[in-house]
């Protein structure tokens, strides 16, 4: 394109020059060897331009004839090179398609047409062909030759790394990845592989340094780099929590600045602050992340932030969490657990049933079974909740590569991948579907069996009293009213009220309820009342 424009510009300049001469006519007189030559200025200019053009053409012809052997040689060399590159391209396509025979044939042809020292792709084609044919030793030798060449070093190290991973040679793969990351930090695979290795062996400082280098080289996206650095800082904080609380706190807070919704970082920061006696700041961190990510571990740590708190104090803190994130199953379950510990069983039952309606999971129904055991002790009702728990979905847990962990880990124990654990429901281990015979929370609550008198809460005896000299307790008329039989004009015999004052130990409420609750009723009294009723 530039040559065309230059040619057009030259023609325009010549045209302008002839036009200028035409507007200014003149005569040119020349005396050469005693002869006088006269002509017009236009004719003289035309002759001059023609002579210059003729000289240029003659020079071009002489140069072409002189360089013709080299030109012919270069032509055949270029043709041979083009055929070699065509064979190389065909061979690479065949290797990618898995055609080992054609790839080997094209590799031999390309090697005969192109010098392998000038074209390193021939080594790559030979290595790929050897891999397809199963000649792994030959392929490894080719990759080693490529790794020694500065031009193909990264490509050779990549091939050696993949071969080491295939053979399970973890240490060799790590060394190849480190060499590649040192020579070319812009390679994502080398950086990530080295980062995973440092994370597996707990070299958090080296992993953070390498991550900062890769971020400066724009290897990783900013969001991904921030997430990985937050995970590494959290892991380092967990390792320092028992030895250096201050450093653990600083790392955890730095991780929260990079990833504000990272629950393990918030837990480590709160634990470090609690150990330093800064309960207010630790609680505020838990409250802030609770509003975004209501997590059972956060609720558990928040409720038990102070070791000397009573069960009632822990219940108040659980209610505080519920006020921050209302109508949430995790918050309701936390309140139910705290109420169960505080022996406020009606509140525990209400909150647990509400949590079951929002998220009918295994732990919620097990919690209802615990509440049932503490409240009524009815085995049929307890079995009802436990059967419902078996048929309910499993609770979310820290899961990575199909493996669940009771606590968060920075690295997967299966693949060694950094930041692999996720808070999600693990796959069900039951052979059948969990939906078989599954009831909804409302149906499960409505189908709860009535309290069985025989399975009601066991009798509570006063300290030092024996079963032989224990007397029936007072039964209120509103619980067992006097039953009149008109035909015989008789009433049911009721246990006589004791005239002796009941001691404080005997009147000790059963789980916070009045002493006349069925929980402290003697079973012998119940059987006696039923026997008298059957007489009539």
Protein backbone atom coordinates (compact mmCIF):
# COMPACT_ATOMS: atom_id res chain seq x y z
CA UNK A 1 0.00 0.00 0.00
CA UNK A 2 2.83 2.39 0.84
CA UNK A 3 4.56 1.60 -2.44
CA UNK A 4 1.43 2.40 -4.41
CA UNK A 5 1.06 5.72 -2.63
CA UNK A 6 4.73 6.52 -3.27
CA UNK A 7 4.36 5.70 -7.00
CA UNK A 8 1.27 7.90 -7.30
CA UNK A 9 3.10 10.71 -5.51
CA UNK A 10 6.06 10.39 -7.91
CA UNK A 11 3.80 10.55 -10.96
CA UNK A 12 2.10 13.66 -9.58
CA UNK A 13 5.44 15.32 -8.99
CA UNK A 14 6.55 14.59 -12.58
CA UNK A 15 3.29 15.91 -13.95
CA UNK A 16 3.61 19.09 -11.91
CA UNK A 17 7.19 19.52 -13.13
CA UNK A 18 6.26 19.17 -16.81
CA UNK A 19 3.34 21.54 -16.35
CA UNK A 20 5.63 24.08 -14.74
CA UNK A 21 8.07 23.80 -17.69
CA UNK A 22 5.25 24.08 -20.22
CA UNK A 23 4.17 27.36 -18.66
CA UNK A 24 7.73 28.67 -18.86
CA UNK A 25 9.09 27.84 -22.37
CA UNK A 26 12.77 28.29 -23.15
CA UNK A 27 15.68 27.21 -25.36
CA UNK A 28 18.67 25.10 -24.34
CA UNK A 29 21.98 25.57 -26.31
CA UNK A 30 24.88 23.11 -25.86
CA UNK A 31 28.31 23.18 -27.63
CA UNK A 32 30.02 19.76 -27.48
CA UNK A 33 33.13 18.84 -29.55
CA UNK A 34 32.74 21.88 -31.84
CA UNK A 35 29.10 21.25 -32.53
CA UNK A 36 26.26 23.43 -31.37
CA UNK A 37 23.17 21.64 -30.15
CA UNK A 38 19.98 23.63 -29.56
CA UNK A 39 16.65 22.29 -28.29
CA UNK A 40 13.67 23.39 -26.21
CA UNK A 41 13.71 23.09 -22.47
CA UNK A 42 10.78 20.59 -22.45
CA UNK A 43 12.58 18.30 -24.86
CA UNK A 44 15.79 18.44 -22.85
CA UNK A 45 13.92 17.49 -19.65
CA UNK A 46 12.22 14.55 -21.36
CA UNK A 47 15.56 13.26 -22.70
CA UNK A 48 17.12 13.56 -19.24
CA UNK A 49 14.34 11.63 -17.52
CA UNK A 50 14.47 8.93 -20.20
CA UNK A 51 18.21 8.50 -19.77
CA UNK A 52 17.84 8.16 -15.98
CA UNK A 53 15.13 5.55 -16.41
CA UNK A 54 17.25 3.62 -18.92
CA UNK A 55 20.22 3.61 -16.54
CA UNK A 56 18.06 2.28 -13.71
CA UNK A 57 16.68 -0.49 -15.90
CA UNK A 58 20.16 -1.54 -17.00
CA UNK A 59 21.37 -1.62 -13.38
CA UNK A 60 18.37 -3.76 -12.41
CA UNK A 61 19.04 -6.23 -15.24
CA UNK A 62 22.71 -6.55 -14.31
CA UNK A 63 21.86 -7.07 -10.62
CA UNK A 64 19.22 -9.68 -11.44
CA UNK A 65 21.63 -11.66 -13.64
CA UNK A 66 24.39 -11.40 -11.05
CA UNK A 67 22.18 -12.58 -8.15
CA UNK A 68 20.20 -15.18 -10.08
CA UNK A 69 22.02 -18.23 -8.55
CA UNK A 70 21.28 -17.02 -5.05
CA UNK A 71 17.72 -16.19 -5.99
CA UNK A 72 17.14 -19.66 -7.42
CA UNK A 73 18.66 -21.27 -4.32
CA UNK A 74 16.55 -19.16 -2.01
CA UNK A 75 13.43 -20.03 -3.96
CA UNK A 76 13.96 -23.78 -3.60
CA UNK A 77 14.90 -23.33 0.06
CA UNK A 78 11.72 -21.41 0.75
CA UNK A 79 9.72 -24.03 -1.09
CA UNK A 80 11.31 -26.76 1.00
CA UNK A 81 10.66 -24.81 4.19
CA UNK A 82 7.04 -24.28 3.24
CA UNK A 83 6.63 -28.00 2.65
CA UNK A 84 8.23 -28.68 6.04
CA UNK A 85 5.93 -26.28 7.84
CA UNK A 86 2.98 -27.82 6.06
CA UNK A 87 4.08 -31.26 7.29
CA UNK A 88 4.63 -29.85 10.80
CA UNK A 89 1.18 -28.32 10.87
CA UNK A 90 -0.41 -31.54 9.63
CA UNK A 91 1.54 -33.54 12.21
CA UNK A 92 0.43 -31.33 15.10
CA UNK A 93 -3.18 -31.65 13.99
CA UNK A 94 -2.80 -35.43 13.76
CA UNK A 95 -1.21 -35.55 17.22
CA UNK A 96 -4.06 -33.52 18.64
CA UNK A 97 -6.55 -35.90 17.03
CA UNK A 98 -4.72 -38.95 18.41
CA UNK A 99 -3.53 -40.28 15.04
CA UNK A 100 -0.13 -41.60 16.10
CA UNK A 101 0.81 -43.10 12.71
CA UNK A 102 0.18 -39.96 10.71
CA UNK A 103 1.79 -37.79 13.39
CA UNK A 104 4.96 -39.91 13.30
CA UNK A 105 5.06 -39.80 9.49
CA UNK A 106 4.63 -36.02 9.42
CA UNK A 107 7.27 -35.61 12.15
CA UNK A 108 9.81 -37.53 10.09
CA UNK A 109 8.93 -35.51 6.98
CA UNK A 110 9.16 -32.21 8.83
CA UNK A 111 12.48 -33.18 10.36
CA UNK A 112 13.86 -33.95 6.88
CA UNK A 113 12.64 -30.66 5.43
CA UNK A 114 13.31 -28.31 8.37
CA UNK A 115 16.30 -28.08 10.66
CA UNK A 116 15.15 -29.04 14.17
CA UNK A 117 17.57 -26.55 15.74
CA UNK A 118 15.81 -23.72 13.95
CA UNK A 119 12.28 -24.96 14.57
CA UNK A 120 11.68 -26.24 18.14
CA UNK A 121 8.12 -27.24 17.31
CA UNK A 122 9.55 -30.41 15.78
CA UNK A 123 10.61 -31.51 19.28
CA UNK A 124 7.11 -30.82 20.52
CA UNK A 125 5.60 -32.88 17.71
CA UNK A 126 7.95 -35.78 18.43
CA UNK A 127 7.19 -35.62 22.18
CA UNK A 128 3.44 -35.57 21.59
CA UNK A 129 3.72 -38.47 19.17
CA UNK A 130 5.71 -40.46 21.72
CA UNK A 131 3.05 -39.79 24.36
CA UNK A 132 0.31 -41.02 22.04
CA UNK A 133 2.30 -44.19 21.28
CA UNK A 134 2.94 -44.79 24.97
CA UNK A 135 6.68 -44.19 24.73
CA UNK A 136 6.86 -42.07 27.85
CA UNK A 137 10.61 -42.33 28.26
CA UNK A 138 11.19 -40.95 24.77
CA UNK A 139 8.74 -38.16 25.43
CA UNK A 140 10.46 -37.30 28.71
CA UNK A 141 13.83 -37.10 26.95
CA UNK A 142 12.37 -34.74 24.37
CA UNK A 143 10.92 -32.54 27.12
CA UNK A 144 14.29 -32.48 28.88
CA UNK A 145 15.95 -31.29 25.66
CA UNK A 146 13.33 -28.58 25.36
CA UNK A 147 13.82 -27.58 29.02
CA UNK A 148 17.55 -27.04 28.36
CA UNK A 149 16.85 -24.72 25.44
CA UNK A 150 16.14 -21.13 26.61
CA UNK A 151 13.65 -20.69 23.79
CA UNK A 152 11.55 -23.71 24.77
CA UNK A 153 12.34 -23.92 28.50
CA UNK A 154 8.81 -23.21 29.72
CA UNK A 155 7.29 -25.65 27.24
CA UNK A 156 9.67 -28.42 28.29
CA UNK A 157 9.08 -27.80 32.00
CA UNK A 158 5.36 -27.91 31.41
CA UNK A 159 5.65 -31.30 29.75
CA UNK A 160 7.91 -32.65 32.50
CA UNK A 161 5.51 -31.35 35.15
CA UNK A 162 2.55 -33.09 33.58
CA UNK A 163 4.49 -36.33 33.23
CA UNK A 164 5.53 -36.17 36.88
CA UNK A 165 1.92 -35.60 37.93
CA UNK A 166 0.84 -38.56 35.82
CA UNK A 167 3.38 -40.83 37.49
CA UNK A 168 2.53 -39.53 40.96
CA UNK A 169 6.00 -38.06 41.49
CA UNK A 170 4.89 -35.15 43.63
CA UNK A 171 8.36 -33.96 44.55
CA UNK A 172 9.55 -33.94 40.93
CA UNK A 173 6.41 -32.09 39.84
CA UNK A 174 7.00 -29.51 42.56
CA UNK A 175 10.59 -28.94 41.42
CA UNK A 176 9.57 -28.49 37.79
CA UNK A 177 6.83 -26.04 38.79
CA UNK A 178 9.22 -24.06 40.99
CA UNK A 179 11.78 -23.83 38.15
CA UNK A 180 9.10 -22.59 35.78
CA UNK A 181 7.75 -20.10 38.33
CA UNK A 182 11.26 -18.79 38.98
CA UNK A 183 12.11 -18.32 35.30
CA UNK A 184 8.66 -17.20 34.17
CA UNK A 185 6.45 -15.93 37.05
CA UNK A 186 3.78 -15.01 34.52
CA UNK A 187 2.85 -18.67 34.00
CA UNK A 188 -0.40 -19.38 35.90
CA UNK A 189 0.06 -23.15 36.08
CA UNK A 190 3.52 -22.88 37.61
CA UNK A 191 2.43 -20.26 40.12
CA UNK A 192 -0.68 -22.15 41.21
CA UNK A 193 1.14 -25.48 41.46
CA UNK A 194 3.90 -23.99 43.60
CA UNK A 195 1.31 -22.16 45.67
CA UNK A 196 -0.59 -25.38 46.34
CA UNK A 197 2.61 -27.13 47.39
CA UNK A 198 3.57 -24.41 49.87
CA UNK A 199 0.04 -24.57 51.25
CA UNK A 200 0.13 -28.36 51.64
CA UNK A 201 3.31 -28.28 53.74
CA UNK A 202 2.19 -25.22 55.72
CA UNK A 203 4.74 -22.77 54.30
CA UNK A 204 2.33 -19.86 54.54
CA UNK A 205 4.98 -17.11 54.32
CA UNK A 206 6.41 -18.51 51.08
CA UNK A 207 2.92 -18.98 49.66
CA UNK A 208 1.95 -15.38 50.43
CA UNK A 209 5.20 -14.06 48.91
CA UNK A 210 4.65 -16.07 45.73
CA UNK A 211 1.05 -14.91 45.53
CA UNK A 212 2.13 -11.27 45.81
CA UNK A 213 4.63 -11.79 42.97
CA UNK A 214 2.03 -13.38 40.73
CA UNK A 215 -0.39 -10.58 41.50
CA UNK A 216 2.23 -7.99 40.55
CA UNK A 217 2.78 -9.88 37.28
CA UNK A 218 -0.99 -9.87 36.63
CA UNK A 219 -1.08 -13.66 36.52
CA UNK A 220 -4.24 -13.91 38.62
CA UNK A 221 -7.33 -11.81 38.60
CA UNK A 222 -7.49 -9.28 41.43
CA UNK A 223 -10.59 -10.82 42.98
CA UNK A 224 -9.15 -14.33 42.83
CA UNK A 225 -5.82 -13.16 44.22
CA UNK A 226 -7.54 -11.37 47.13
CA UNK A 227 -9.56 -14.49 47.93
CA UNK A 228 -6.49 -16.76 47.92
CA UNK A 229 -4.48 -14.33 50.01
CA UNK A 230 -7.32 -14.10 52.54
CA UNK A 231 -7.35 -17.89 52.78
CA UNK A 232 -3.57 -17.99 53.28
CA UNK A 233 -3.71 -15.29 55.95
CA UNK A 234 -6.48 -17.18 57.73
CA UNK A 235 -4.45 -20.39 57.63
CA UNK A 236 -1.41 -18.61 59.05
CA UNK A 237 -3.57 -17.04 61.75
CA UNK A 238 -4.92 -20.48 62.72
CA UNK A 239 -1.37 -21.82 63.04
CA UNK A 240 -0.36 -18.90 65.31
CA UNK A 241 -3.51 -18.73 67.45
CA UNK A 242 -2.11 -20.81 70.31
CA UNK A 243 1.42 -19.36 70.26
CA UNK A 244 1.12 -15.75 69.08
CA UNK A 245 -2.36 -14.37 69.66
CA UNK A 246 -1.54 -10.87 68.48
CA UNK A 247 -0.08 -12.03 65.15
CA UNK A 248 -3.05 -14.33 64.65
CA UNK A 249 -5.42 -11.44 65.27
CA UNK A 250 -3.62 -9.17 62.80
CA UNK A 251 -3.60 -11.85 60.07
CA UNK A 252 -7.27 -12.65 60.58
CA UNK A 253 -8.29 -8.99 60.46
CA UNK A 254 -6.21 -8.51 57.28
CA UNK A 255 -7.98 -11.50 55.75
CA UNK A 256 -11.36 -9.98 56.60
CA UNK A 257 -10.35 -6.78 54.82
CA UNK A 258 -9.65 -8.76 51.66
CA UNK A 259 -12.66 -11.09 51.95
CA UNK A 260 -15.30 -9.73 54.29
CA UNK A 261 -17.48 -12.86 54.17
CA UNK A 262 -14.81 -15.41 55.05
CA UNK A 263 -16.30 -17.15 58.10
CA UNK A 264 -13.08 -18.92 59.28
CA UNK A 265 -11.22 -15.60 59.34
CA UNK A 266 -13.94 -14.05 61.49
CA UNK A 267 -13.84 -17.01 63.87
CA UNK A 268 -10.06 -16.80 64.30
CA UNK A 269 -10.16 -13.02 64.78
CA UNK A 270 -12.91 -13.31 67.39
CA UNK A 271 -11.10 -16.10 69.25
CA UNK A 272 -7.90 -14.05 69.36
CA UNK A 273 -9.77 -10.99 70.63
CA UNK A 274 -11.59 -13.05 73.25
CA UNK A 275 -8.29 -14.41 74.52
CA UNK A 276 -6.99 -10.87 74.77
CA UNK A 277 -10.05 -9.91 76.79
CA UNK A 278 -11.53 -7.67 74.10
CA UNK A 279 -15.02 -9.19 74.14
CA UNK A 280 -16.75 -6.17 72.67
CA UNK A 281 -14.68 -6.00 69.48
CA UNK A 282 -14.74 -9.75 69.00
CA UNK A 283 -18.50 -9.83 69.39
CA UNK A 284 -18.90 -6.94 66.94
CA UNK A 285 -16.90 -8.86 64.32
CA UNK A 286 -19.11 -11.90 64.76
CA UNK A 287 -22.26 -9.78 64.62
CA UNK A 288 -21.12 -8.08 61.42
CA UNK A 289 -20.44 -11.29 59.56
CA UNK A 290 -23.52 -12.93 61.09
CA UNK A 291 -25.69 -10.40 59.30
CA UNK A 292 -24.19 -11.51 55.97
CA UNK A 293 -23.44 -15.20 56.60
CA UNK A 294 -25.43 -16.77 59.48
CA UNK A 295 -23.24 -19.75 60.32
CA UNK A 296 -23.63 -22.29 63.16
CA UNK A 297 -19.96 -21.89 64.15
CA UNK A 298 -20.44 -18.15 64.54
CA UNK A 299 -23.51 -18.69 66.69
CA UNK A 300 -21.72 -21.27 68.84
CA UNK A 301 -18.71 -19.01 69.43
CA UNK A 302 -20.85 -15.93 70.02
CA UNK A 303 -23.06 -17.64 72.59
CA UNK A 304 -20.05 -19.05 74.46
CA UNK A 305 -17.86 -15.97 74.14
CA UNK A 306 -17.45 -15.67 77.90
CA UNK A 307 -16.60 -18.83 79.80
CA UNK A 308 -18.18 -17.81 83.07
CA UNK A 309 -21.63 -17.08 81.67
CA UNK A 310 -24.59 -19.02 82.96
CA UNK A 311 -27.05 -20.83 80.75
CA UNK A 312 -29.47 -17.90 81.07
CA UNK A 313 -26.76 -15.49 79.91
CA UNK A 314 -26.02 -17.69 76.92
CA UNK A 315 -29.71 -17.72 76.08
CA UNK A 316 -29.76 -13.92 76.10
CA UNK A 317 -26.84 -13.84 73.66
CA UNK A 318 -28.59 -16.34 71.41
CA UNK A 319 -31.68 -14.14 71.39
CA UNK A 320 -29.44 -11.22 70.44
CA UNK A 321 -28.31 -13.14 67.36
CA UNK A 322 -31.92 -13.91 66.47
CA UNK A 323 -32.75 -10.22 66.63
CA UNK A 324 -29.92 -9.47 64.19
CA UNK A 325 -31.09 -12.07 61.66
CA UNK A 326 -34.70 -12.91 62.30
CA UNK A 327 -36.64 -15.67 60.58
CA UNK A 328 -33.48 -17.70 60.05
CA UNK A 329 -33.21 -21.41 60.77
CA UNK A 330 -29.66 -21.21 62.14
CA UNK A 331 -30.62 -18.41 64.56
CA UNK A 332 -33.73 -20.26 65.71
CA UNK A 333 -31.75 -23.45 66.27
CA UNK A 334 -29.17 -21.52 68.30
CA UNK A 335 -31.89 -20.09 70.53
CA UNK A 336 -33.44 -23.54 70.92
CA UNK A 337 -30.11 -25.09 72.00
CA UNK A 338 -29.48 -22.29 74.49
CA UNK A 339 -33.01 -22.59 75.84
CA UNK A 340 -32.54 -26.34 76.26
CA UNK A 341 -29.40 -25.73 78.31
CA UNK A 342 -31.25 -23.13 80.38
CA UNK A 343 -34.13 -25.61 80.86
CA UNK A 344 -36.65 -23.30 79.27
CA UNK A 345 -38.20 -26.21 77.45
CA UNK A 346 -41.35 -24.55 76.04
CA UNK A 347 -39.22 -21.85 74.39
CA UNK A 348 -36.78 -24.48 73.12
CA UNK A 349 -39.60 -26.49 71.58
CA UNK A 350 -41.18 -23.47 69.89
CA UNK A 351 -37.87 -22.29 68.38
CA UNK A 352 -36.85 -25.77 67.27
CA UNK A 353 -40.18 -26.37 65.54
CA UNK A 354 -39.89 -22.99 63.82
CA UNK A 355 -36.37 -23.90 62.63
CA UNK A 356 -37.69 -27.24 61.36
CA UNK A 357 -40.34 -25.46 59.31
CA UNK A 358 -37.70 -23.22 57.70
CA UNK A 359 -34.97 -25.84 57.20
CA UNK A 360 -36.03 -29.43 57.98
CA UNK A 361 -32.54 -30.88 58.40
CA UNK A 362 -31.16 -33.74 60.42
CA UNK A 363 -29.76 -31.67 63.31
CA UNK A 364 -33.02 -29.82 63.90
CA UNK A 365 -34.99 -33.03 64.39
CA UNK A 366 -32.25 -34.45 66.61
CA UNK A 367 -32.53 -31.28 68.66
CA UNK A 368 -36.27 -31.85 68.95
CA UNK A 369 -35.54 -35.38 70.16
CA UNK A 370 -33.25 -33.98 72.87
CA UNK A 371 -35.93 -31.50 73.90
CA UNK A 372 -38.47 -34.31 74.01
CA UNK A 373 -36.20 -36.37 76.23
CA UNK A 374 -35.72 -33.49 78.64
CA UNK A 375 -39.39 -32.46 78.61
CA UNK A 376 -41.47 -35.63 78.62
CA UNK A 377 -39.07 -38.53 78.38
CA UNK A 378 -41.55 -40.24 76.07
CA UNK A 379 -39.64 -42.80 74.04
CA UNK A 380 -42.25 -42.99 71.28
CA UNK A 381 -42.07 -39.24 70.70
CA UNK A 382 -38.28 -39.37 70.78
CA UNK A 383 -38.25 -42.18 68.22
CA UNK A 384 -40.62 -40.13 66.07
CA UNK A 385 -38.15 -37.24 65.89
CA UNK A 386 -35.16 -39.51 65.35
CA UNK A 387 -36.90 -41.33 62.52
CA UNK A 388 -37.70 -37.99 60.96
CA UNK A 389 -34.02 -37.01 61.29
CA UNK A 390 -32.95 -40.14 59.42
CA UNK A 391 -35.20 -39.27 56.50
CA UNK A 392 -34.26 -35.57 56.40
CA UNK A 393 -31.51 -33.91 54.36
CA UNK A 394 -28.07 -33.74 55.92
CA UNK A 395 -26.88 -30.52 57.44
CA UNK A 396 -24.36 -28.36 55.59
CA UNK A 397 -20.74 -29.09 56.40
CA UNK A 398 -17.29 -28.11 55.21
CA UNK A 399 -16.95 -30.24 52.07
CA UNK A 400 -14.13 -30.58 49.54
CA UNK A 401 -13.67 -33.22 46.85
CA UNK A 402 -16.42 -35.37 48.38
CA UNK A 403 -14.83 -35.30 51.86
CA UNK A 404 -16.43 -33.56 54.85
CA UNK A 405 -14.52 -32.03 57.74
CA UNK A 406 -15.82 -30.96 61.18
CA UNK A 407 -13.87 -27.72 60.80
CA UNK A 408 -12.64 -25.59 57.93
CA UNK A 409 -9.27 -26.44 56.36
CA UNK A 410 -7.31 -24.23 53.95
CA UNK A 411 -6.23 -27.15 51.73
CA UNK A 412 -8.14 -30.17 50.46
CA UNK A 413 -6.74 -33.42 51.93
CA UNK A 414 -7.59 -35.22 48.68
CA UNK A 415 -6.31 -33.00 45.87
CA UNK A 416 -4.17 -30.55 47.84
CA UNK A 417 -6.02 -27.64 46.23
CA UNK A 418 -6.06 -24.34 48.08
CA UNK A 419 -9.44 -22.94 49.15
CA UNK A 420 -11.29 -26.11 48.22
CA UNK A 421 -13.66 -26.38 51.20
CA UNK A 422 -17.18 -25.07 50.80
CA UNK A 423 -20.06 -24.85 53.26
CA UNK A 424 -22.69 -27.02 51.63
CA UNK A 425 -24.78 -30.11 52.21
CA UNK A 426 -22.70 -33.26 51.63
CA UNK A 427 -24.07 -36.06 49.44
CA UNK A 428 -26.38 -38.48 51.20
CA UNK A 429 -24.85 -41.82 52.16
CA UNK A 430 -28.17 -43.66 52.26
CA UNK A 431 -28.78 -46.21 49.54
CA UNK A 432 -32.36 -45.11 49.08
CA UNK A 433 -33.77 -41.70 48.53
CA UNK A 434 -34.25 -39.52 51.58
CA UNK A 435 -37.64 -38.62 50.26
CA UNK A 436 -38.96 -42.14 50.86
CA UNK A 437 -41.43 -41.82 53.72
CA UNK A 438 -40.29 -38.25 54.40
CA UNK A 439 -42.80 -35.92 56.02
CA UNK A 440 -42.76 -32.18 55.94
CA UNK A 441 -42.03 -30.33 59.16
CA UNK A 442 -45.68 -29.42 59.69
CA UNK A 443 -46.79 -33.01 59.05
CA UNK A 444 -44.12 -34.32 61.41
CA UNK A 445 -45.25 -31.94 64.15
CA UNK A 446 -48.92 -32.79 63.65
CA UNK A 447 -48.24 -36.53 63.59
CA UNK A 448 -46.30 -36.40 66.87
CA UNK A 449 -47.68 -39.18 69.12
CA UNK A 450 -49.43 -38.11 72.33
CA UNK A 451 -47.57 -38.35 75.59
CA UNK A 452 -47.82 -41.84 76.98
CA UNK A 453 -48.57 -42.02 80.72
CA UNK A 454 -46.34 -45.05 81.11
CA UNK A 455 -43.49 -43.30 79.29
CA UNK A 456 -43.89 -39.96 81.04
CA UNK A 457 -40.95 -38.46 82.86
CA UNK A 458 -39.68 -40.65 85.69
CA UNK A 459 -40.52 -39.85 89.28
CA UNK A 460 -38.18 -37.63 91.21
CA UNK A 461 -37.33 -38.80 94.72
CA UNK A 462 -36.04 -36.68 97.51
CA UNK A 463 -32.39 -37.16 98.43
CA UNK A 464 -31.99 -39.95 100.96
CA UNK A 465 -35.49 -41.37 100.39
CA UNK A 466 -36.03 -44.94 99.25
CA UNK A 467 -38.71 -46.39 97.08
CA UNK A 468 -40.16 -48.38 99.97
CA UNK A 469 -41.06 -45.42 102.20
CA UNK A 470 -41.92 -42.95 99.44
CA UNK A 471 -45.51 -41.66 99.57
CA UNK A 472 -47.70 -40.57 96.66
CA UNK A 473 -47.46 -36.90 95.84
CA UNK A 474 -50.31 -34.42 95.67
CA UNK A 475 -52.46 -34.63 92.58
CA UNK A 476 -54.48 -31.55 91.76
CA UNK A 477 -58.18 -31.90 91.14
CA UNK A 478 -57.89 -30.00 87.86
CA UNK A 479 -55.54 -32.68 86.48
CA UNK A 480 -57.49 -35.70 87.73
CA UNK A 481 -60.98 -34.45 88.65
CA UNK A 482 -63.25 -36.42 90.86
CA UNK A 483 -65.25 -38.83 88.75
CA UNK A 484 -68.82 -39.37 89.94
CA UNK A 485 -70.81 -42.48 89.06
CA UNK A 486 -74.58 -41.72 89.36
CA UNK A 487 -75.70 -45.34 89.69
CA UNK A 488 -73.64 -46.10 92.76
CA UNK A 489 -73.31 -42.60 94.19
CA UNK A 490 -69.63 -43.17 94.73
CA UNK A 491 -66.52 -41.32 93.73
CA UNK A 492 -63.14 -42.44 92.67
CA UNK A 493 -60.76 -42.90 95.53
CA UNK A 494 -58.13 -40.18 95.38
CA UNK A 495 -54.81 -40.21 97.13
CA UNK A 496 -55.00 -38.44 100.44
CA UNK A 497 -53.24 -35.15 100.80
CA UNK A 498 -50.33 -35.21 103.12
CA UNK A 499 -50.84 -33.03 106.20
CA UNK A 500 -47.13 -32.78 106.83
CA UNK A 501 -45.42 -29.82 105.24
CA UNK A 502 -43.40 -30.69 102.21
CA UNK A 503 -39.71 -29.95 102.58
CA UNK A 504 -37.78 -27.78 100.11
CA UNK A 505 -36.02 -30.81 98.69
CA UNK A 506 -39.29 -32.60 98.04
CA UNK A 507 -40.78 -29.49 96.42
CA UNK A 508 -37.78 -28.94 94.19
CA UNK A 509 -39.24 -28.25 90.74
CA UNK A 510 -38.50 -30.74 87.98
CA UNK A 511 -36.68 -28.71 85.27
CA UNK A 512 -38.16 -25.47 86.55
CA UNK A 513 -41.83 -26.59 86.75
CA UNK A 514 -44.20 -26.69 89.76
CA UNK A 515 -43.83 -29.63 92.13
CA UNK A 516 -47.24 -30.94 91.13
CA UNK A 517 -46.04 -31.45 87.56
CA UNK A 518 -46.35 -34.98 86.19
CA UNK A 519 -42.55 -35.05 86.13
CA UNK A 520 -42.45 -35.55 89.91
CA UNK A 521 -45.48 -37.79 90.18
CA UNK A 522 -44.78 -41.19 91.62
CA UNK A 523 -45.46 -43.93 89.14
CA UNK A 524 -47.06 -45.97 91.91
CA UNK A 525 -49.61 -43.18 92.44
CA UNK A 526 -50.46 -43.19 88.74
CA UNK A 527 -50.97 -46.93 88.68
CA UNK A 528 -53.12 -46.73 91.81
CA UNK A 529 -55.35 -44.05 90.31
CA UNK A 530 -55.78 -46.04 87.12
CA UNK A 531 -56.65 -49.17 89.09
CA UNK A 532 -59.31 -47.31 91.07
CA UNK A 533 -60.77 -45.91 87.89
CA UNK A 534 -61.02 -49.38 86.36
CA UNK A 535 -62.96 -50.61 89.43
CA UNK A 536 -65.86 -48.41 88.46
